[in-house]
N, C-alpha and C. Protein backbone atom coordinates (compact mmCIF):
# COMPACT_ATOMS: atom_id res chain seq x y z
N MET A 1 60.34 -80.53 88.47
CA MET A 1 59.48 -79.97 87.67
C MET A 1 60.20 -78.35 87.53
N LYS A 2 59.86 -78.02 86.42
CA LYS A 2 60.39 -76.50 85.99
C LYS A 2 59.14 -75.50 86.81
N GLY A 3 59.40 -74.60 87.27
CA GLY A 3 58.56 -73.57 87.68
C GLY A 3 59.08 -72.01 87.55
N ARG A 4 58.65 -71.23 88.49
CA ARG A 4 58.92 -69.79 88.48
C ARG A 4 60.31 -69.36 88.32
N GLY A 5 61.29 -70.35 88.82
CA GLY A 5 62.66 -70.01 88.52
C GLY A 5 63.10 -70.14 87.23
N GLU A 6 62.38 -70.70 86.39
CA GLU A 6 63.01 -71.28 85.10
C GLU A 6 63.30 -70.07 84.07
N LEU A 7 62.41 -68.89 84.16
CA LEU A 7 62.66 -67.72 83.44
C LEU A 7 63.89 -67.09 83.66
N ILE A 8 64.53 -67.33 84.86
CA ILE A 8 65.69 -66.62 85.22
C ILE A 8 66.77 -67.54 84.72
N ARG A 9 66.54 -68.73 84.73
CA ARG A 9 67.66 -69.80 84.16
C ARG A 9 67.86 -69.64 82.60
N LEU A 10 66.72 -69.32 82.00
CA LEU A 10 66.75 -69.03 80.63
C LEU A 10 67.48 -67.72 80.14
N LEU A 11 66.99 -66.78 80.85
CA LEU A 11 67.77 -65.44 80.76
C LEU A 11 69.23 -65.64 81.07
N PHE A 12 69.56 -66.20 81.93
CA PHE A 12 71.19 -66.74 81.95
C PHE A 12 71.65 -67.29 80.93
N ALA A 13 70.87 -68.41 80.44
CA ALA A 13 71.43 -69.16 79.44
C ALA A 13 71.40 -68.47 78.01
N VAL A 14 70.39 -67.87 77.73
CA VAL A 14 70.59 -67.10 76.49
C VAL A 14 71.50 -65.91 76.56
N SER A 15 71.96 -65.33 77.56
CA SER A 15 72.78 -64.24 77.45
C SER A 15 74.22 -64.81 77.43
N GLY A 16 74.40 -66.01 77.91
CA GLY A 16 75.61 -66.74 78.00
C GLY A 16 76.31 -66.30 79.27
N GLN A 17 75.50 -65.67 80.53
CA GLN A 17 76.16 -65.40 81.54
C GLN A 17 76.40 -66.59 82.25
N LYS A 18 77.64 -66.61 83.21
CA LYS A 18 77.62 -67.56 84.28
C LYS A 18 76.84 -67.35 85.49
N TYR A 19 76.20 -68.60 86.14
CA TYR A 19 75.50 -68.30 87.33
C TYR A 19 75.66 -69.70 87.95
N GLU A 20 75.29 -69.49 89.46
CA GLU A 20 75.15 -70.83 90.29
C GLU A 20 73.65 -70.91 89.94
N ASP A 21 73.25 -72.21 89.51
CA ASP A 21 72.03 -72.69 89.83
C ASP A 21 71.69 -73.50 90.84
N PHE A 22 71.55 -72.78 92.09
CA PHE A 22 71.21 -73.53 93.13
C PHE A 22 69.89 -73.87 93.46
N ARG A 23 69.52 -75.06 93.57
CA ARG A 23 68.16 -75.67 93.63
C ARG A 23 68.03 -76.19 95.28
N ILE A 24 67.18 -75.76 95.88
CA ILE A 24 66.90 -75.87 97.15
C ILE A 24 65.82 -77.12 97.38
N ASP A 25 66.36 -78.18 98.05
CA ASP A 25 65.39 -79.40 98.22
C ASP A 25 64.27 -78.77 99.29
N ASN A 26 63.13 -79.41 99.15
CA ASN A 26 62.18 -79.07 100.18
C ASN A 26 62.68 -79.14 101.51
N ASN A 27 63.39 -80.15 101.94
CA ASN A 27 63.74 -80.45 103.30
C ASN A 27 64.82 -79.44 103.65
N ASP A 28 65.25 -78.74 102.78
CA ASP A 28 66.32 -77.67 103.26
C ASP A 28 65.93 -76.35 103.27
N TRP A 29 64.42 -76.28 102.80
CA TRP A 29 63.90 -74.93 102.42
C TRP A 29 64.02 -74.07 103.80
N PRO A 30 63.48 -74.62 105.06
CA PRO A 30 63.49 -73.80 106.32
C PRO A 30 64.78 -73.01 106.61
N GLU A 31 65.97 -73.59 106.04
CA GLU A 31 67.27 -73.04 106.38
C GLU A 31 67.54 -71.78 105.53
N TYR A 32 66.89 -71.86 104.27
CA TYR A 32 67.10 -70.61 103.28
C TYR A 32 65.96 -69.78 103.23
N LYS A 33 64.86 -70.21 103.85
CA LYS A 33 63.40 -69.26 103.90
C LYS A 33 63.91 -67.78 104.46
N SER A 34 64.63 -67.83 105.66
CA SER A 34 64.72 -66.45 106.30
C SER A 34 65.66 -65.64 105.66
N LYS A 35 66.47 -66.17 104.49
CA LYS A 35 67.27 -65.43 103.63
C LYS A 35 66.80 -64.71 102.52
N ALA A 36 65.45 -65.24 102.09
CA ALA A 36 64.64 -64.72 100.89
C ALA A 36 63.87 -63.51 101.57
N PRO A 37 63.83 -62.41 100.60
CA PRO A 37 63.31 -61.11 101.05
C PRO A 37 61.68 -61.43 101.50
N PHE A 38 61.13 -62.35 100.92
CA PHE A 38 59.70 -62.41 101.14
C PHE A 38 59.50 -63.78 101.82
N GLY A 39 60.30 -64.54 101.88
CA GLY A 39 60.28 -66.03 102.54
C GLY A 39 59.85 -67.02 101.42
N GLN A 40 60.24 -66.36 100.13
CA GLN A 40 59.70 -67.38 99.07
C GLN A 40 61.21 -67.38 98.05
N ALA A 41 60.81 -68.71 97.28
CA ALA A 41 61.57 -68.84 96.17
C ALA A 41 61.00 -68.64 94.79
N PRO A 42 61.84 -68.22 93.68
CA PRO A 42 63.16 -68.15 93.83
C PRO A 42 63.62 -66.76 94.23
N PHE A 43 64.87 -66.50 94.49
CA PHE A 43 65.57 -65.28 95.07
C PHE A 43 67.08 -65.41 94.36
N LEU A 44 67.45 -64.19 94.03
CA LEU A 44 68.66 -64.21 93.47
C LEU A 44 69.58 -63.26 94.23
N GLU A 45 70.87 -63.89 94.45
CA GLU A 45 71.81 -63.12 95.52
C GLU A 45 72.77 -62.63 94.32
N ILE A 46 72.93 -61.33 94.36
CA ILE A 46 74.03 -60.63 93.82
C ILE A 46 74.97 -60.12 94.34
N THR A 47 76.39 -60.34 94.08
CA THR A 47 77.42 -59.71 94.86
C THR A 47 78.24 -58.80 93.80
N ASN A 48 78.43 -57.62 94.27
CA ASN A 48 79.35 -56.72 93.46
C ASN A 48 80.34 -56.05 94.30
N GLY A 49 81.69 -56.60 94.26
CA GLY A 49 82.58 -56.36 95.41
C GLY A 49 82.13 -56.78 96.57
N LYS A 50 82.05 -55.62 97.46
CA LYS A 50 81.62 -55.91 99.02
C LYS A 50 80.05 -55.86 99.09
N LYS A 51 79.55 -55.42 98.08
CA LYS A 51 77.95 -55.17 98.33
C LYS A 51 77.23 -56.41 97.63
N THR A 52 76.21 -56.86 98.60
CA THR A 52 75.54 -58.03 98.16
C THR A 52 73.88 -57.52 98.33
N ILE A 53 73.17 -57.83 97.25
CA ILE A 53 71.72 -57.63 97.48
C ILE A 53 70.87 -58.92 97.11
N ILE A 54 69.97 -59.03 97.60
CA ILE A 54 69.13 -60.22 97.31
C ILE A 54 67.68 -59.73 96.73
N LEU A 55 67.43 -60.55 95.54
CA LEU A 55 66.37 -59.88 94.83
C LEU A 55 65.33 -61.08 95.08
N SER A 56 63.99 -60.87 95.32
CA SER A 56 63.00 -61.88 95.11
C SER A 56 62.10 -61.43 94.06
N GLN A 57 60.89 -62.23 94.00
CA GLN A 57 59.77 -62.12 92.99
C GLN A 57 60.40 -62.60 91.57
N SER A 58 60.02 -63.72 91.00
CA SER A 58 60.80 -64.20 89.91
C SER A 58 60.59 -63.07 88.50
N VAL A 59 59.40 -62.47 88.42
CA VAL A 59 59.21 -61.56 87.34
C VAL A 59 60.36 -60.27 87.59
N ALA A 60 60.12 -59.87 88.80
CA ALA A 60 61.24 -58.44 89.15
C ALA A 60 62.57 -59.22 88.96
N ILE A 61 62.97 -60.32 89.05
CA ILE A 61 64.22 -60.75 88.94
C ILE A 61 64.41 -60.76 87.29
N GLY A 62 63.42 -61.54 86.73
CA GLY A 62 63.29 -61.68 85.15
C GLY A 62 63.64 -60.22 84.30
N ARG A 63 62.88 -59.17 85.06
CA ARG A 63 63.08 -57.84 84.36
C ARG A 63 64.40 -57.19 84.68
N PHE A 64 65.01 -57.28 85.77
CA PHE A 64 66.18 -56.93 86.17
C PHE A 64 67.22 -57.43 85.19
N LEU A 65 67.26 -59.01 84.99
CA LEU A 65 68.32 -59.60 84.28
C LEU A 65 68.14 -58.93 82.69
N ALA A 66 66.88 -59.11 82.46
CA ALA A 66 66.58 -58.69 81.08
C ALA A 66 67.28 -57.39 80.64
N ARG A 67 67.01 -56.32 81.51
CA ARG A 67 67.65 -55.03 81.46
C ARG A 67 69.09 -55.27 81.30
N LYS A 68 69.67 -55.90 82.08
CA LYS A 68 71.15 -56.17 82.33
C LYS A 68 71.78 -56.82 80.99
N PHE A 69 70.94 -57.87 80.46
CA PHE A 69 71.20 -58.45 79.39
C PHE A 69 70.90 -58.04 77.99
N GLY A 70 70.14 -56.98 77.92
CA GLY A 70 69.71 -56.40 76.65
C GLY A 70 68.56 -57.07 76.29
N LEU A 71 67.69 -57.76 77.03
CA LEU A 71 66.51 -58.55 76.61
C LEU A 71 65.06 -58.01 77.16
N ALA A 72 65.14 -56.33 77.33
CA ALA A 72 64.12 -55.90 77.92
C ALA A 72 63.26 -55.00 76.91
N GLY A 73 63.80 -55.29 75.59
CA GLY A 73 63.04 -54.39 74.35
C GLY A 73 64.00 -53.16 74.12
N LYS A 74 63.91 -52.48 72.89
CA LYS A 74 64.63 -51.26 72.60
C LYS A 74 63.76 -50.23 72.66
N GLY A 75 64.37 -49.30 73.52
CA GLY A 75 63.70 -48.16 73.81
C GLY A 75 62.48 -48.00 74.85
N ASP A 76 62.23 -46.89 75.53
CA ASP A 76 61.32 -46.80 76.40
C ASP A 76 59.82 -47.51 76.10
N GLU A 77 59.19 -47.09 74.73
CA GLU A 77 58.18 -47.48 74.34
C GLU A 77 57.98 -48.97 74.21
N GLU A 78 58.94 -49.70 73.55
CA GLU A 78 58.82 -51.09 73.52
C GLU A 78 59.14 -51.82 74.78
N GLN A 79 59.97 -51.23 75.72
CA GLN A 79 60.12 -51.99 76.97
C GLN A 79 58.72 -51.73 77.63
N ALA A 80 57.86 -50.72 77.51
CA ALA A 80 56.72 -50.65 78.18
C ALA A 80 55.94 -51.94 77.67
N MET A 81 55.87 -51.88 76.38
CA MET A 81 54.93 -52.94 75.55
C MET A 81 55.43 -54.13 76.18
N VAL A 82 56.83 -54.47 75.91
CA VAL A 82 57.19 -55.92 76.70
C VAL A 82 56.67 -56.08 77.97
N ASP A 83 56.87 -55.11 78.85
CA ASP A 83 56.06 -55.48 80.33
C ASP A 83 54.84 -55.71 80.50
N MET A 84 54.20 -54.92 79.55
CA MET A 84 52.69 -55.08 79.50
C MET A 84 52.28 -56.53 79.15
N TYR A 85 52.81 -56.94 78.13
CA TYR A 85 52.80 -58.42 77.77
C TYR A 85 53.23 -59.32 78.80
N GLY A 86 54.28 -59.03 79.42
CA GLY A 86 54.79 -59.85 80.61
C GLY A 86 53.73 -59.98 81.83
N ASP A 87 53.14 -58.70 82.15
CA ASP A 87 52.18 -58.85 82.84
C ASP A 87 51.06 -59.76 82.64
N GLN A 88 50.59 -59.88 81.30
CA GLN A 88 49.51 -60.52 81.08
C GLN A 88 49.91 -62.02 81.02
N ILE A 89 51.44 -62.52 80.75
CA ILE A 89 51.58 -63.79 80.83
C ILE A 89 51.49 -64.14 82.37
N SER A 90 51.93 -63.13 83.08
CA SER A 90 51.91 -63.44 84.59
C SER A 90 50.50 -63.84 85.16
N ASP A 91 49.53 -62.93 84.56
CA ASP A 91 48.01 -63.38 84.82
C ASP A 91 47.62 -64.74 84.62
N LEU A 92 48.09 -65.15 83.33
CA LEU A 92 47.96 -66.52 83.02
C LEU A 92 48.44 -67.59 83.78
N LEU A 93 49.95 -67.34 84.14
CA LEU A 93 50.67 -68.14 84.81
C LEU A 93 50.03 -68.27 86.26
N ASN A 94 49.39 -67.29 86.78
CA ASN A 94 48.82 -67.29 88.26
C ASN A 94 47.52 -68.26 87.91
N GLU A 95 46.76 -68.22 86.92
CA GLU A 95 45.68 -69.20 86.77
C GLU A 95 46.10 -70.52 86.79
N PHE A 96 47.25 -70.74 86.12
CA PHE A 96 47.87 -72.14 85.80
C PHE A 96 48.31 -72.64 87.14
N ALA A 97 48.79 -71.82 88.07
CA ALA A 97 49.48 -72.13 89.20
C ALA A 97 48.36 -72.61 90.18
N LYS A 98 47.07 -72.27 90.00
CA LYS A 98 45.86 -72.63 90.68
C LYS A 98 45.85 -74.14 90.53
N PHE A 99 45.81 -74.41 89.49
CA PHE A 99 45.82 -75.90 89.01
C PHE A 99 46.91 -76.69 89.34
N MET A 100 48.24 -76.23 89.15
CA MET A 100 49.27 -76.98 89.69
C MET A 100 49.31 -77.16 91.35
N MET A 101 48.88 -76.46 91.99
CA MET A 101 48.86 -76.34 93.46
C MET A 101 47.63 -77.11 94.13
N GLU A 102 46.54 -77.35 93.31
CA GLU A 102 45.47 -77.94 93.75
C GLU A 102 45.62 -79.51 94.18
N LYS A 103 45.27 -79.90 95.38
CA LYS A 103 45.50 -81.13 95.90
C LYS A 103 44.33 -82.18 95.43
N ASP A 104 43.23 -81.75 95.66
CA ASP A 104 41.81 -82.36 95.37
C ASP A 104 41.72 -82.84 93.80
N GLU A 105 41.71 -83.94 93.50
CA GLU A 105 41.65 -84.38 92.23
C GLU A 105 40.46 -84.01 91.35
N THR A 106 39.34 -83.98 92.01
CA THR A 106 38.13 -83.54 91.38
C THR A 106 38.16 -82.00 91.12
N LYS A 107 38.49 -81.26 92.10
CA LYS A 107 38.77 -79.68 91.70
C LYS A 107 39.69 -79.48 91.01
N LYS A 108 40.98 -80.09 90.76
CA LYS A 108 41.94 -80.09 89.83
C LYS A 108 41.49 -80.12 88.41
N LYS A 109 40.65 -81.24 88.43
CA LYS A 109 40.04 -81.58 87.02
C LYS A 109 39.16 -80.32 86.52
N GLU A 110 38.31 -79.89 87.37
CA GLU A 110 37.64 -78.75 87.16
C GLU A 110 38.26 -77.46 86.70
N ILE A 111 39.21 -77.32 87.63
CA ILE A 111 40.27 -76.00 87.11
C ILE A 111 40.74 -76.20 85.74
N TYR A 112 41.28 -77.46 85.37
CA TYR A 112 42.02 -77.84 84.31
C TYR A 112 41.00 -77.54 83.15
N GLN A 113 39.69 -77.79 83.24
CA GLN A 113 38.58 -77.93 82.10
C GLN A 113 38.31 -76.28 81.82
N LYS A 114 38.30 -75.66 82.95
CA LYS A 114 37.99 -74.18 82.80
C LYS A 114 39.34 -73.54 82.08
N LEU A 115 40.47 -74.04 82.59
CA LEU A 115 41.82 -73.38 82.01
C LEU A 115 41.77 -73.79 80.46
N GLU A 116 41.56 -75.04 79.84
CA GLU A 116 41.54 -75.49 78.66
C GLU A 116 40.38 -74.84 77.69
N SER A 117 39.30 -74.75 78.49
CA SER A 117 38.07 -74.05 77.46
C SER A 117 38.05 -72.61 77.51
N GLU A 118 38.46 -72.04 78.60
CA GLU A 118 37.89 -70.43 78.77
C GLU A 118 39.35 -69.67 78.93
N ILE A 119 40.10 -69.95 79.98
CA ILE A 119 41.21 -69.04 80.37
C ILE A 119 42.45 -69.01 79.27
N MET A 120 42.92 -70.28 79.21
CA MET A 120 44.02 -70.10 78.15
C MET A 120 43.63 -69.50 76.67
N PRO A 121 42.46 -69.99 76.07
CA PRO A 121 42.02 -69.23 74.72
C PRO A 121 42.00 -67.75 75.03
N TYR A 122 41.29 -67.24 76.16
CA TYR A 122 41.25 -65.90 76.19
C TYR A 122 42.81 -65.19 76.39
N HIS A 123 43.71 -65.65 77.05
CA HIS A 123 44.90 -65.18 76.94
C HIS A 123 45.69 -65.21 75.63
N MET A 124 45.55 -66.49 75.15
CA MET A 124 46.27 -66.84 74.09
C MET A 124 45.78 -65.91 72.89
N LYS A 125 44.74 -65.46 72.76
CA LYS A 125 44.29 -64.75 71.53
C LYS A 125 45.03 -63.47 71.53
N PHE A 126 45.40 -62.68 72.66
CA PHE A 126 46.06 -61.58 72.75
C PHE A 126 47.79 -61.70 72.24
N PHE A 127 48.01 -62.95 72.75
CA PHE A 127 49.67 -63.23 72.23
C PHE A 127 49.50 -63.71 70.85
N GLU A 128 48.68 -64.46 70.37
CA GLU A 128 48.43 -64.66 68.90
C GLU A 128 48.34 -63.60 67.97
N ALA A 129 47.44 -62.59 68.41
CA ALA A 129 47.37 -61.43 67.50
C ALA A 129 48.84 -60.80 67.48
N LYS A 130 49.45 -60.34 68.73
CA LYS A 130 50.69 -59.63 68.55
C LYS A 130 51.85 -60.26 67.48
N LEU A 131 51.88 -61.79 67.96
CA LEU A 131 52.76 -62.56 67.22
C LEU A 131 52.47 -62.69 65.78
N SER A 132 51.14 -62.67 65.42
CA SER A 132 50.91 -62.78 63.99
C SER A 132 51.41 -61.55 63.23
N GLU A 133 51.60 -60.27 63.96
CA GLU A 133 51.82 -59.15 63.23
C GLU A 133 53.51 -59.30 63.19
N SER A 134 54.19 -59.98 63.91
CA SER A 134 55.55 -59.93 64.08
C SER A 134 56.28 -60.48 62.82
N LYS A 135 57.50 -59.81 62.16
CA LYS A 135 58.24 -60.31 61.27
C LYS A 135 59.26 -61.06 61.75
N SER A 136 59.68 -61.14 62.95
CA SER A 136 60.88 -61.86 63.57
C SER A 136 60.30 -63.15 64.31
N GLY A 137 59.06 -63.55 64.37
CA GLY A 137 58.77 -64.69 65.15
C GLY A 137 58.53 -64.44 66.58
N PHE A 138 59.14 -63.26 66.95
CA PHE A 138 59.01 -63.16 68.65
C PHE A 138 57.95 -62.03 68.57
N PHE A 139 57.68 -61.90 69.87
CA PHE A 139 56.96 -60.70 69.99
C PHE A 139 57.04 -59.53 69.45
N PHE A 140 58.35 -58.95 69.37
CA PHE A 140 58.91 -57.80 68.77
C PHE A 140 59.81 -58.06 67.65
N ASP A 141 59.91 -57.19 66.53
CA ASP A 141 60.40 -57.29 65.40
C ASP A 141 61.99 -57.11 65.93
N SER A 142 61.98 -56.28 66.94
CA SER A 142 63.74 -56.21 67.28
C SER A 142 64.41 -57.42 67.85
N GLY A 143 63.76 -58.45 68.07
CA GLY A 143 64.33 -59.70 68.47
C GLY A 143 63.72 -60.22 69.72
N LEU A 144 64.53 -61.11 70.13
CA LEU A 144 64.25 -61.80 71.40
C LEU A 144 64.22 -60.87 72.52
N THR A 145 63.21 -61.03 73.64
CA THR A 145 62.96 -60.36 74.80
C THR A 145 62.67 -61.46 75.85
N TRP A 146 62.63 -60.92 77.03
CA TRP A 146 62.37 -61.91 78.25
C TRP A 146 60.96 -62.48 78.17
N ILE A 147 60.00 -61.82 77.45
CA ILE A 147 58.60 -62.39 77.51
C ILE A 147 58.39 -63.49 76.41
N ASP A 148 59.27 -63.61 75.51
CA ASP A 148 59.29 -64.61 74.79
C ASP A 148 59.70 -65.99 75.47
N LEU A 149 60.81 -65.71 76.30
CA LEU A 149 61.17 -66.78 77.23
C LEU A 149 60.09 -67.08 78.31
N TYR A 150 59.40 -66.07 78.61
CA TYR A 150 58.40 -66.44 79.74
C TYR A 150 57.08 -67.11 79.00
N LEU A 151 56.75 -66.89 78.04
CA LEU A 151 55.79 -67.61 77.30
C LEU A 151 56.16 -68.89 77.03
N PHE A 152 57.39 -69.06 76.45
CA PHE A 152 57.90 -70.29 76.28
C PHE A 152 57.99 -71.32 77.54
N ASN A 153 58.31 -70.75 78.63
CA ASN A 153 58.46 -71.34 79.81
C ASN A 153 57.14 -72.01 80.22
N LEU A 154 56.01 -70.77 80.22
CA LEU A 154 54.56 -71.52 80.50
C LEU A 154 54.23 -72.65 79.55
N LEU A 155 54.54 -72.18 78.39
CA LEU A 155 54.10 -73.61 77.28
C LEU A 155 54.74 -74.85 77.60
N GLY A 156 55.93 -74.65 78.14
CA GLY A 156 56.58 -75.76 78.48
C GLY A 156 55.99 -76.49 79.67
N LEU A 157 55.40 -75.81 80.58
CA LEU A 157 54.76 -76.59 81.77
C LEU A 157 53.57 -77.28 81.47
N LEU A 158 52.92 -77.04 80.04
CA LEU A 158 51.72 -77.56 79.84
C LEU A 158 52.06 -79.18 79.19
N GLY A 159 53.22 -79.45 79.00
CA GLY A 159 53.62 -80.70 78.29
C GLY A 159 53.13 -80.95 77.03
N GLU A 160 52.74 -82.04 76.87
CA GLU A 160 52.12 -82.32 75.56
C GLU A 160 50.66 -81.67 75.24
N GLN A 161 49.92 -81.24 76.28
CA GLN A 161 48.82 -80.58 76.23
C GLN A 161 49.06 -79.44 75.43
N ARG A 162 50.25 -78.79 75.13
CA ARG A 162 50.42 -77.58 74.53
C ARG A 162 49.89 -77.76 72.85
N ASN A 163 50.14 -79.24 72.46
CA ASN A 163 49.86 -79.36 70.94
C ASN A 163 48.54 -79.08 70.82
N GLN A 164 47.55 -79.36 71.65
CA GLN A 164 46.02 -79.05 71.27
C GLN A 164 46.07 -77.61 71.13
N LEU A 165 46.59 -76.71 72.11
CA LEU A 165 46.60 -75.22 71.95
C LEU A 165 47.12 -74.63 70.52
N PHE A 166 48.32 -75.48 70.29
CA PHE A 166 48.99 -74.88 69.10
C PHE A 166 48.05 -74.99 67.73
N GLU A 167 47.03 -76.05 67.75
CA GLU A 167 46.15 -76.17 66.60
C GLU A 167 45.58 -74.91 66.27
N HIS A 168 45.24 -74.06 67.55
CA HIS A 168 44.27 -72.83 67.27
C HIS A 168 45.22 -71.58 67.25
N PHE A 169 46.52 -71.62 67.79
CA PHE A 169 47.28 -70.65 67.83
C PHE A 169 48.74 -70.87 67.30
N LYS A 170 48.79 -70.72 65.94
CA LYS A 170 49.66 -71.13 65.11
C LYS A 170 51.06 -70.11 65.39
N ALA A 171 50.73 -68.66 65.48
CA ALA A 171 51.90 -67.95 65.90
C ALA A 171 52.53 -68.26 67.23
N VAL A 172 51.74 -68.41 68.10
CA VAL A 172 52.17 -68.95 69.47
C VAL A 172 52.85 -70.14 69.46
N LYS A 173 52.89 -71.15 68.45
CA LYS A 173 53.50 -72.34 68.26
C LYS A 173 54.81 -72.22 67.54
N THR A 174 54.76 -71.24 66.61
CA THR A 174 55.90 -70.57 65.88
C THR A 174 56.81 -70.01 66.84
N LEU A 175 56.45 -69.32 67.92
CA LEU A 175 57.28 -68.68 69.03
C LEU A 175 57.89 -69.71 69.74
N TYR A 176 57.01 -70.60 69.99
CA TYR A 176 57.66 -71.69 70.98
C TYR A 176 58.65 -72.62 70.27
N ASP A 177 58.48 -73.00 68.88
CA ASP A 177 59.56 -73.70 68.09
C ASP A 177 60.73 -72.82 68.05
N LYS A 178 60.69 -71.53 67.72
CA LYS A 178 61.96 -70.76 67.58
C LYS A 178 62.66 -70.50 68.77
N VAL A 179 61.93 -70.26 69.90
CA VAL A 179 62.83 -70.44 71.08
C VAL A 179 63.27 -71.42 71.49
N SER A 180 62.54 -72.63 71.14
CA SER A 180 63.40 -73.88 71.59
C SER A 180 64.45 -74.18 70.89
N GLU A 181 64.73 -73.58 69.64
CA GLU A 181 65.81 -73.79 68.68
C GLU A 181 66.79 -72.56 68.87
N TYR A 182 66.55 -71.76 69.79
CA TYR A 182 67.37 -70.48 69.87
C TYR A 182 68.70 -71.15 70.59
N GLY A 183 69.64 -70.77 69.99
CA GLY A 183 71.27 -71.06 70.59
C GLY A 183 71.36 -71.82 71.61
N LYS A 184 71.62 -70.99 72.79
CA LYS A 184 71.92 -71.80 74.05
C LYS A 184 70.66 -72.33 74.61
N ILE A 185 69.62 -72.28 74.40
CA ILE A 185 68.45 -72.84 74.83
C ILE A 185 68.28 -74.49 74.04
N LYS A 186 68.63 -74.46 72.99
CA LYS A 186 68.73 -75.84 72.25
C LYS A 186 69.69 -76.75 72.91
N ALA A 187 70.65 -75.93 73.16
CA ALA A 187 71.85 -77.00 73.60
C ALA A 187 71.69 -77.64 74.99
């Protein structure tokens, strides 16, 4: 299953940068946990000459890579707006994570019903409004940013259920389709 590390992989793919996609099996996690700054995955190890840093938190890594790869927005104001929408997507992803992590099937069904009827529409209306204004089909007219990839990833986690959502949020569907056809993501 794709998860929080997928934004990072998408950023590397879109930018054409080489990286090692190292996925840790659950059985091997205890060996790597102490290496992660907060004891969580994903984390990114960056070696520059003799200096190595390890970054944790998927969105912090995403923002770092977006700045490096020119996908953080154009100019200070647009970058701030990109971050604002990124935080809104994080809020939605955190709600979705509650559903994904729930073990009790009855509670899981209740959480999903609330997601579907209240939480997703609440957040999607903001994304729909912004995307409807865009001439590029992305959040910003200047082109693809990390938040386009971030929302694309979240929508991908919904599987076929996203089609119901797309019936009500056409500009969000346009974004999803546009990103899925985007160069190195399509491949």
